[in-house]
Amino acid sequence: MRKIYVIGIGAGEPDHLTLQAAKAIGRTDVFFLLDKGEAKQSMIELRQRLMKAYGRPGRRVAEGRDPDRDRTPADYQGTVADWRSRRSAVTEALISENLLDDETGAFLVWGDPTLYDSTIAILDEILSRGRTLFDYEVIPGISSVSALVAKHRVPLNRVGKPVQITTGRRLAEGWPEGVDDLVVMLDAQQAFAAHPEAEIYWGAYVGTEDEILRSGPVAEVAEEIKETRAKARSDHGWIMDTYLLRRPPAAEERGEG
């Protein structure tokens, strides 16, 4: 039986790699890379550095072209389902054509494979078709969420309070009830600007040499973050940013009522 590792490699800092991940890389015969184009070449380069540092001699690399998708679709769910289907076809071809019986393959996943990443769902979709068989194991990684709050030196949660991880698309629909601390990912529309009363801890390219951090009351830093984000995206051709949005405590929690 062929085996595949889905390995979380951290948010961009090579030293984020865990010992478990490094050992899995060392056991891998074939690494699968989906090329997202020249604009994201730096993401490929980090993977290549890790393969060189921890990979075994004779390792192979199988590359495929990651399908494009509409980032502002009218039918979001349908568009994502279509993209995953096309991506699973590319991925299945890479596995069936390059991974021999009893060999081990690996996908090196940015951040953590269980947090807003499609690799696990795509492998399950391939297995459900029954044409390409393998076993797979998920190796956790340091997520952009963990890296972000560590860089800002703030706890993710407040005492006795829940934290919700969501997307900019969902935040744009309204602040969820019962939660005062939100981690927001995939926010191309910068939905935080609609909440001037909140405190924001924002970061882009966290853990890389291009890291940018900003924090403060949304009312004071929203425009700066928007301008910084737009320039960074223009300079690099892509951006990966995350932020913690924190409402101030209610009056009764502050002892005022």
C-alpha atoms as a PDB file:
ATOM      1  CA  MET A   1       0.000   0.000   0.000  1.00  0.00           C
ATOM      2  CA  ARG A   2       1.271   3.447  -0.905  1.00  0.00           C
ATOM      3  CA  LYS A   3       1.406   6.003   1.903  1.00  0.00           C
ATOM      4  CA  ILE A   4       1.086   9.775   1.825  1.00  0.00           C
ATOM      5  CA  TYR A   5       2.017  12.302   4.485  1.00  0.00           C
ATOM      6  CA  VAL A   6       0.154  15.600   4.690  1.00  0.00           C
ATOM      7  CA  ILE A   7       2.790  17.645   6.506  1.00  0.00           C
ATOM      8  CA  GLY A   8       2.186  21.039   8.099  1.00  0.00           C
ATOM      9  CA  ILE A   9       5.344  23.099   7.604  1.00  0.00           C
ATOM     10  CA  GLY A  10       4.417  26.212   9.572  1.00  0.00           C
ATOM     11  CA  ALA A  11       3.569  29.766   8.649  1.00  0.00           C
ATOM     12  CA  GLY A  12       6.789  30.562   6.787  1.00  0.00           C
ATOM     13  CA  GLU A  13       9.655  30.388   9.273  1.00  0.00           C
ATOM     14  CA  PRO A  14      11.793  27.297   8.467  1.00  0.00           C
ATOM     15  CA  ASP A  15      12.374  26.733  12.191  1.00  0.00           C
ATOM     16  CA  HIS A  16       8.617  26.262  12.647  1.00  0.00           C
ATOM     17  CA  LEU A  17       9.076  22.741  11.319  1.00  0.00           C
ATOM     18  CA  THR A  18       8.437  20.198  14.092  1.00  0.00           C
ATOM     19  CA  LEU A  19      10.636  17.164  14.722  1.00  0.00           C
ATOM     20  CA  GLN A  20       7.741  14.926  13.683  1.00  0.00           C
ATOM     21  CA  ALA A  21       7.460  16.795  10.384  1.00  0.00           C
ATOM     22  CA  ALA A  22      11.219  16.665   9.766  1.00  0.00           C
ATOM     23  CA  LYS A  23      11.245  12.897  10.312  1.00  0.00           C
ATOM     24  CA  ALA A  24       8.310  12.449   7.932  1.00  0.00           C
ATOM     25  CA  ILE A  25      10.120  14.486   5.267  1.00  0.00           C
ATOM     26  CA  GLY A  26      13.120  12.209   5.758  1.00  0.00           C
ATOM     27  CA  ARG A  27      10.969   9.128   5.053  1.00  0.00           C
ATOM     28  CA  THR A  28       9.418  10.538   1.866  1.00  0.00           C
ATOM     29  CA  ASP A  29      10.253   9.182  -1.595  1.00  0.00           C
ATOM     30  CA  VAL A  30       8.139  11.594  -3.669  1.00  0.00           C
ATOM     31  CA  PHE A  31       7.100  15.168  -2.889  1.00  0.00           C
ATOM     32  CA  PHE A  32       4.040  16.546  -4.651  1.00  0.00           C
ATOM     33  CA  LEU A  33       4.030  20.246  -5.510  1.00  0.00           C
ATOM     34  CA  LEU A  34       1.146  22.180  -7.030  1.00  0.00           C
ATOM     35  CA  ASP A  35       2.564  25.245  -8.754  1.00  0.00           C
ATOM     36  CA  LYS A  36       0.461  28.374  -8.198  1.00  0.00           C
ATOM     37  CA  GLY A  37       2.429  30.492 -10.672  1.00  0.00           C
ATOM     38  CA  GLU A  38       5.441  32.772 -10.465  1.00  0.00           C
ATOM     39  CA  ALA A  39       3.707  35.178  -8.079  1.00  0.00           C
ATOM     40  CA  LYS A  40       3.859  32.501  -5.367  1.00  0.00           C
ATOM     41  CA  GLN A  41       7.328  31.180  -6.168  1.00  0.00           C
ATOM     42  CA  SER A  42       8.503  32.041  -2.642  1.00  0.00           C
ATOM     43  CA  MET A  43       6.060  29.455  -1.274  1.00  0.00           C
ATOM     44  CA  ILE A  44       7.634  26.800  -3.511  1.00  0.00           C
ATOM     45  CA  GLU A  45      11.137  27.902  -2.500  1.00  0.00           C
ATOM     46  CA  LEU A  46      10.453  27.299   1.201  1.00  0.00           C
ATOM     47  CA  ARG A  47       9.304  23.766   0.429  1.00  0.00           C
ATOM     48  CA  GLN A  48      12.440  23.176  -1.649  1.00  0.00           C
ATOM     49  CA  ARG A  49      14.626  24.366   1.225  1.00  0.00           C
ATOM     50  CA  LEU A  50      12.939  21.952   3.618  1.00  0.00           C
ATOM     51  CA  MET A  51      13.259  19.049   1.187  1.00  0.00           C
ATOM     52  CA  LYS A  52      16.956  19.780   0.748  1.00  0.00           C
ATOM     53  CA  ALA A  53      17.564  20.131   4.488  1.00  0.00           C
ATOM     54  CA  TYR A  54      15.641  17.066   5.679  1.00  0.00           C
ATOM     55  CA  GLY A  55      14.910  14.910   2.646  1.00  0.00           C
ATOM     56  CA  ARG A  56      16.598  11.636   1.820  1.00  0.00           C
ATOM     57  CA  PRO A  57      19.023  11.217  -1.096  1.00  0.00           C
ATOM     58  CA  GLY A  58      17.229  10.144  -4.245  1.00  0.00           C
ATOM     59  CA  ARG A  59      13.965  11.862  -3.332  1.00  0.00           C
ATOM     60  CA  ARG A  60      11.821  12.849  -6.275  1.00  0.00           C
ATOM     61  CA  VAL A  61       9.543  15.810  -6.939  1.00  0.00           C
ATOM     62  CA  ALA A  62       6.327  15.576  -8.955  1.00  0.00           C
ATOM     63  CA  GLU A  63       4.867  18.920  -9.999  1.00  0.00           C
ATOM     64  CA  GLY A  64       1.411  19.817 -11.264  1.00  0.00           C
ATOM     65  CA  ARG A  65      -0.369  23.044 -12.123  1.00  0.00           C
ATOM     66  CA  ASP A  66      -2.851  24.197  -9.500  1.00  0.00           C
ATOM     67  CA  PRO A  67      -6.144  25.081 -11.251  1.00  0.00           C
ATOM     68  CA  ASP A  68      -7.231  28.708 -11.173  1.00  0.00           C
ATOM     69  CA  ARG A  69     -10.533  29.735  -9.600  1.00  0.00           C
ATOM     70  CA  ASP A  70     -12.721  32.798  -9.349  1.00  0.00           C
ATOM     71  CA  ARG A  71     -11.945  34.619  -6.084  1.00  0.00           C
ATOM     72  CA  THR A  72     -15.137  36.701  -6.145  1.00  0.00           C
ATOM     73  CA  PRO A  73     -17.807  34.269  -7.351  1.00  0.00           C
ATOM     74  CA  ALA A  74     -21.548  34.740  -7.219  1.00  0.00           C
ATOM     75  CA  ASP A  75     -21.914  31.105  -6.104  1.00  0.00           C
ATOM     76  CA  TYR A  76     -19.125  30.654  -3.560  1.00  0.00           C
ATOM     77  CA  GLN A  77     -19.937  27.084  -2.489  1.00  0.00           C
ATOM     78  CA  GLY A  78     -20.398  25.891  -6.066  1.00  0.00           C
ATOM     79  CA  THR A  79     -17.210  27.569  -7.251  1.00  0.00           C
ATOM     80  CA  VAL A  80     -15.143  26.008  -4.450  1.00  0.00           C
ATOM     81  CA  ALA A  81     -16.650  22.559  -5.118  1.00  0.00           C
ATOM     82  CA  ASP A  82     -15.781  22.855  -8.822  1.00  0.00           C
ATOM     83  CA  TRP A  83     -12.233  23.997  -8.040  1.00  0.00           C
ATOM     84  CA  ARG A  84     -11.695  21.145  -5.578  1.00  0.00           C
ATOM     85  CA  SER A  85     -12.919  18.652  -8.148  1.00  0.00           C
ATOM     86  CA  ARG A  86     -10.478  19.952 -10.748  1.00  0.00           C
ATOM     87  CA  ARG A  87      -7.692  20.068  -8.163  1.00  0.00           C
ATOM     88  CA  SER A  88      -8.391  16.500  -7.081  1.00  0.00           C
ATOM     89  CA  ALA A  89      -8.056  15.348 -10.717  1.00  0.00           C
ATOM     90  CA  VAL A  90      -4.603  16.974 -10.962  1.00  0.00           C
ATOM     91  CA  THR A  91      -3.598  15.533  -7.588  1.00  0.00           C
ATOM     92  CA  GLU A  92      -4.824  12.035  -8.430  1.00  0.00           C
ATOM     93  CA  ALA A  93      -2.826  12.052 -11.663  1.00  0.00           C
ATOM     94  CA  LEU A  94       0.323  13.085  -9.782  1.00  0.00           C
ATOM     95  CA  ILE A  95      -0.103  10.261  -7.276  1.00  0.00           C
ATOM     96  CA  SER A  96      -1.032   7.507  -9.732  1.00  0.00           C
ATOM     97  CA  GLU A  97       1.741   8.404 -12.186  1.00  0.00           C
ATOM     98  CA  ASN A  98       4.585   9.037  -9.742  1.00  0.00           C
ATOM     99  CA  LEU A  99       4.100   7.065  -6.524  1.00  0.00           C
ATOM    100  CA  LEU A 100       5.023   3.398  -6.807  1.00  0.00           C
ATOM    101  CA  ASP A 101       3.709   0.573  -4.632  1.00  0.00           C
ATOM    102  CA  ASP A 102       5.185   0.622  -1.118  1.00  0.00           C
ATOM    103  CA  GLU A 103       6.564   4.147  -1.616  1.00  0.00           C
ATOM    104  CA  THR A 104       5.808   7.187   0.514  1.00  0.00           C
ATOM    105  CA  GLY A 105       4.679  10.531  -0.865  1.00  0.00           C
ATOM    106  CA  ALA A 106       4.135  13.868   0.840  1.00  0.00           C
ATOM    107  CA  PHE A 107       2.370  17.189   0.483  1.00  0.00           C
ATOM    108  CA  LEU A 108       4.098  20.028   2.329  1.00  0.00           C
ATOM    109  CA  VAL A 109       1.220  22.222   3.489  1.00  0.00           C
ATOM    110  CA  TRP A 110       1.637  25.853   4.501  1.00  0.00           C
ATOM    111  CA  GLY A 111       0.651  26.322   8.157  1.00  0.00           C
ATOM    112  CA  ASP A 112      -1.503  23.511   9.525  1.00  0.00           C
ATOM    113  CA  PRO A 113      -3.297  21.048   7.206  1.00  0.00           C
ATOM    114  CA  THR A 114      -6.461  21.039   9.342  1.00  0.00           C
ATOM    115  CA  LEU A 115      -7.103  24.801   9.224  1.00  0.00           C
ATOM    116  CA  TYR A 116      -8.626  26.278   6.048  1.00  0.00           C
ATOM    117  CA  ASP A 117      -6.675  23.966   3.754  1.00  0.00           C
ATOM    118  CA  SER A 118      -8.167  21.655   1.146  1.00  0.00           C
ATOM    119  CA  THR A 119      -5.560  18.880   0.978  1.00  0.00           C
ATOM    120  CA  ILE A 120      -7.349  16.463   3.333  1.00  0.00           C
ATOM    121  CA  ALA A 121     -10.710  16.915   1.576  1.00  0.00           C
ATOM    122  CA  ILE A 122      -9.080  16.396  -1.814  1.00  0.00           C
ATOM    123  CA  LEU A 123      -7.360  13.164  -0.745  1.00  0.00           C
ATOM    124  CA  ASP A 124     -10.663  11.898   0.670  1.00  0.00           C
ATOM    125  CA  GLU A 125     -12.362  12.726  -2.634  1.00  0.00           C
ATOM    126  CA  ILE A 126      -9.716  10.763  -4.540  1.00  0.00           C
ATOM    127  CA  LEU A 127     -10.126   7.762  -2.252  1.00  0.00           C
ATOM    128  CA  SER A 128     -13.899   7.895  -2.590  1.00  0.00           C
ATOM    129  CA  ARG A 129     -13.600   7.337  -6.353  1.00  0.00           C
ATOM    130  CA  GLY A 130     -11.782   4.054  -5.685  1.00  0.00           C
ATOM    131  CA  ARG A 131      -9.368   4.250  -8.617  1.00  0.00           C
ATOM    132  CA  THR A 132      -6.224   5.322  -6.753  1.00  0.00           C
ATOM    133  CA  LEU A 133      -5.599   3.700  -3.383  1.00  0.00           C
ATOM    134  CA  PHE A 134      -3.273   4.801  -0.599  1.00  0.00           C
ATOM    135  CA  ASP A 135      -3.155   5.384   3.134  1.00  0.00           C
ATOM    136  CA  TYR A 136      -2.439   8.861   4.478  1.00  0.00           C
ATOM    137  CA  GLU A 137      -1.362  10.487   7.734  1.00  0.00           C
ATOM    138  CA  VAL A 138      -1.673  14.122   8.795  1.00  0.00           C
ATOM    139  CA  ILE A 139       1.281  15.771  10.551  1.00  0.00           C
ATOM    140  CA  PRO A 140       0.179  18.962  12.360  1.00  0.00           C
ATOM    141  CA  GLY A 141       2.019  22.228  11.854  1.00  0.00           C
ATOM    142  CA  ILE A 142       2.291  25.647  13.467  1.00  0.00           C
ATOM    143  CA  SER A 143      -0.627  27.622  12.051  1.00  0.00           C
ATOM    144  CA  SER A 144      -0.677  31.278  11.046  1.00  0.00           C
ATOM    145  CA  VAL A 145      -3.023  31.765  14.018  1.00  0.00           C
ATOM    146  CA  SER A 146      -0.442  30.561  16.533  1.00  0.00           C
ATOM    147  CA  ALA A 147       2.353  32.462  14.799  1.00  0.00           C
ATOM    148  CA  LEU A 148       0.304  35.673  14.696  1.00  0.00           C
ATOM    149  CA  VAL A 149      -0.526  35.891  18.399  1.00  0.00           C
ATOM    150  CA  ALA A 150       3.000  34.836  19.359  1.00  0.00           C
ATOM    151  CA  LYS A 151       4.447  37.669  17.281  1.00  0.00           C
ATOM    152  CA  HIS A 152       2.053  40.161  18.877  1.00  0.00           C
ATOM    153  CA  ARG A 153       2.715  38.669  22.338  1.00  0.00           C
ATOM    154  CA  VAL A 154      -0.979  38.377  23.170  1.00  0.00           C
ATOM    155  CA  PRO A 155      -2.959  35.332  24.311  1.00  0.00           C
ATOM    156  CA  LEU A 156      -5.423  33.894  21.826  1.00  0.00           C
ATOM    157  CA  ASN A 157      -8.204  33.781  24.427  1.00  0.00           C
ATOM    158  CA  ARG A 158      -9.258  35.810  27.425  1.00  0.00           C
ATOM    159  CA  VAL A 159      -9.995  34.142  30.772  1.00  0.00           C
ATOM    160  CA  GLY A 160     -13.068  31.946  30.505  1.00  0.00           C
ATOM    161  CA  LYS A 161     -13.929  33.289  27.054  1.00  0.00           C
ATOM    162  CA  PRO A 162     -14.358  31.423  23.750  1.00  0.00           C
ATOM    163  CA  VAL A 163     -12.467  32.180  20.557  1.00  0.00           C
ATOM    164  CA  GLN A 164     -13.955  31.707  17.091  1.00  0.00           C
ATOM    165  CA  ILE A 165     -11.983  31.226  13.890  1.00  0.00           C
ATOM    166  CA  THR A 166     -13.859  32.469  10.857  1.00  0.00           C
ATOM    167  CA  THR A 167     -13.443  34.081   7.445  1.00  0.00           C
ATOM    168  CA  GLY A 168     -13.735  37.626   6.210  1.00  0.00           C
ATOM    169  CA  ARG A 169     -16.737  36.575   4.155  1.00  0.00           C
ATOM    170  CA  ARG A 170     -18.586  35.463   7.298  1.00  0.00           C
ATOM    171  CA  LEU A 171     -17.536  38.507   9.337  1.00  0.00           C
ATOM    172  CA  ALA A 172     -18.933  40.739   6.584  1.00  0.00           C
ATOM    173  CA  GLU A 173     -22.315  39.171   7.313  1.00  0.00           C
ATOM    174  CA  GLY A 174     -22.114  40.344  10.934  1.00  0.00           C
ATOM    175  CA  TRP A 175     -20.219  39.733  14.173  1.00  0.00           C
ATOM    176  CA  PRO A 176     -21.217  36.291  15.518  1.00  0.00           C
ATOM    177  CA  GLU A 177     -23.228  36.247  18.724  1.00  0.00           C
ATOM    178  CA  GLY A 178     -21.706  35.110  21.997  1.00  0.00           C
ATOM    179  CA  VAL A 179     -18.084  35.651  20.970  1.00  0.00           C
ATOM    180  CA  ASP A 180     -15.907  38.701  21.628  1.00  0.00           C
ATOM    181  CA  ASP A 181     -12.638  37.335  20.221  1.00  0.00           C
ATOM    182  CA  LEU A 182     -12.422  36.453  16.531  1.00  0.00           C
ATOM    183  CA  VAL A 183      -9.553  35.142  14.454  1.00  0.00           C
ATOM    184  CA  VAL A 184     -10.250  36.072  10.852  1.00  0.00           C
ATOM    185  CA  MET A 185      -8.639  34.514   7.793  1.00  0.00           C
ATOM    186  CA  LEU A 186      -9.145  34.897   4.045  1.00  0.00           C
ATOM    187  CA  ASP A 187     -10.383  38.471   4.314  1.00  0.00           C
ATOM    188  CA  ALA A 188      -9.826  40.083   0.920  1.00  0.00           C
ATOM    189  CA  GLN A 189     -12.528  42.657   1.654  1.00  0.00           C
ATOM    190  CA  GLN A 190     -11.038  43.781   5.012  1.00  0.00           C
ATOM    191  CA  ALA A 191     -14.273  43.314   6.905  1.00  0.00           C
ATOM    192  CA  PHE A 192     -12.631  44.463  10.151  1.00  0.00           C
ATOM    193  CA  ALA A 193     -13.151  48.084   9.093  1.00  0.00           C
ATOM    194  CA  ALA A 194     -16.857  47.799   9.947  1.00  0.00           C
ATOM    195  CA  HIS A 195     -15.982  47.325  13.642  1.00  0.00           C
ATOM    196  CA  PRO A 196     -14.179  50.486  14.797  1.00  0.00           C
ATOM    197  CA  GLU A 197     -14.838  49.664  18.460  1.00  0.00           C
ATOM    198  CA  ALA A 198     -12.636  46.551  18.327  1.00  0.00           C
ATOM    199  CA  GLU A 199      -8.913  46.051  18.841  1.00  0.00           C
ATOM    200  CA  ILE A 200      -7.033  44.398  15.979  1.00  0.00           C
ATOM    201  CA  TYR A 201      -3.809  42.396  15.873  1.00  0.00           C
ATOM    202  CA  TRP A 202      -2.982  41.981  12.177  1.00  0.00           C
ATOM    203  CA  GLY A 203      -0.143  40.240  10.405  1.00  0.00           C
ATOM    204  CA  ALA A 204       0.879  39.369   6.853  1.00  0.00           C
ATOM    205  CA  TYR A 205       3.565  36.887   5.711  1.00  0.00           C
ATOM    206  CA  VAL A 206       3.979  36.035   9.398  1.00  0.00           C
ATOM    207  CA  GLY A 207       7.183  34.119  10.044  1.00  0.00           C
ATOM    208  CA  THR A 208       8.855  35.134   6.774  1.00  0.00           C
ATOM    209  CA  GLU A 209      11.424  37.811   5.990  1.00  0.00           C
ATOM    210  CA  ASP A 210       8.562  39.903   4.541  1.00  0.00           C
ATOM    211  CA  GLU A 211       6.557  39.830   7.778  1.00  0.00           C
ATOM    212  CA  ILE A 212       4.358  42.866   8.502  1.00  0.00           C
ATOM    213  CA  LEU A 213       2.612  43.443  11.841  1.00  0.00           C
ATOM    214  CA  ARG A 214       0.134  46.132  12.862  1.00  0.00           C
ATOM    215  CA  SER A 215      -2.077  46.499  15.948  1.00  0.00           C
ATOM    216  CA  GLY A 216      -4.293  48.992  17.698  1.00  0.00           C
ATOM    217  CA  PRO A 217      -7.903  50.191  17.787  1.00  0.00           C
ATOM    218  CA  VAL A 218      -9.570  49.535  14.435  1.00  0.00           C
ATOM    219  CA  ALA A 219     -10.766  53.148  14.371  1.00  0.00           C
ATOM    220  CA  GLU A 220      -7.128  54.286  14.368  1.00  0.00           C
ATOM    221  CA  VAL A 221      -5.310  51.688  12.255  1.00  0.00           C
ATOM    222  CA  ALA A 222      -7.865  50.430   9.704  1.00  0.00           C
ATOM    223  CA  GLU A 223      -6.770  52.752   6.893  1.00  0.00           C
ATOM    224  CA  GLU A 224      -3.083  52.045   7.519  1.00  0.00           C
ATOM    225  CA  ILE A 225      -3.700  48.297   7.376  1.00  0.00           C
ATOM    226  CA  LYS A 226      -5.696  48.643   4.153  1.00  0.00           C
ATOM    227  CA  GLU A 227      -2.942  50.689   2.491  1.00  0.00           C
ATOM    228  CA  THR A 228      -0.190  48.395   3.780  1.00  0.00           C
ATOM    229  CA  ARG A 229      -2.054  45.314   2.596  1.00  0.00           C
ATOM    230  CA  ALA A 230      -2.671  46.735  -0.873  1.00  0.00           C
ATOM    231  CA  LYS A 231       0.991  47.697  -1.319  1.00  0.00           C
ATOM    232  CA  ALA A 232       2.234  44.323  -0.062  1.00  0.00           C
ATOM    233  CA  ARG A 233      -0.077  42.450  -2.424  1.00  0.00           C
ATOM    234  CA  SER A 234       1.091  44.611  -5.328  1.00  0.00           C
ATOM    235  CA  ASP A 235       4.767  44.118  -4.434  1.00  0.00           C
ATOM    236  CA  HIS A 236       4.584  40.336  -3.977  1.00  0.00           C
ATOM    237  CA  GLY A 237       1.715  39.363  -6.261  1.00  0.00           C
ATOM    238  CA  TRP A 238      -0.013  37.552  -3.397  1.00  0.00           C
ATOM    239  CA  ILE A 239      -0.725  37.984   0.290  1.00  0.00           C
ATOM    240  CA  MET A 240      -1.479  35.738   3.242  1.00  0.00           C
ATOM    241  CA  ASP A 241      -2.745  37.677   6.240  1.00  0.00           C
ATOM    242  CA  THR A 242      -4.582  36.863   9.439  1.00  0.00           C
ATOM    243  CA  TYR A 243      -5.833  38.923  12.331  1.00  0.00           C
ATOM    244  CA  LEU A 244      -7.281  38.704  15.821  1.00  0.00           C
ATOM    245  CA  LEU A 245     -10.234  41.042  16.357  1.00  0.00           C
ATOM    246  CA  ARG A 246     -11.089  41.687  20.004  1.00  0.00           C
ATOM    247  CA  ARG A 247     -14.069  43.556  21.400  1.00  0.00           C
ATOM    248  CA  PRO A 248     -13.582  45.523  24.632  1.00  0.00           C
ATOM    249  CA  PRO A 249     -15.085  43.903  27.740  1.00  0.00           C
ATOM    250  CA  ALA A 250     -18.672  44.783  28.628  1.00  0.00           C
ATOM    251  CA  ALA A 251     -19.317  47.316  31.393  1.00  0.00           C
ATOM    252  CA  GLU A 252     -20.240  44.642  33.945  1.00  0.00           C
ATOM    253  CA  GLU A 253     -16.966  42.808  33.273  1.00  0.00           C
ATOM    254  CA  ARG A 254     -15.080  46.026  33.914  1.00  0.00           C
ATOM    255  CA  GLY A 255     -16.850  46.386  37.254  1.00  0.00           C
ATOM    256  CA  GLU A 256     -18.808  49.452  36.155  1.00  0.00           C
ATOM    257  CA  GLY A 257     -22.282  47.973  36.625  1.00  0.00           C
END
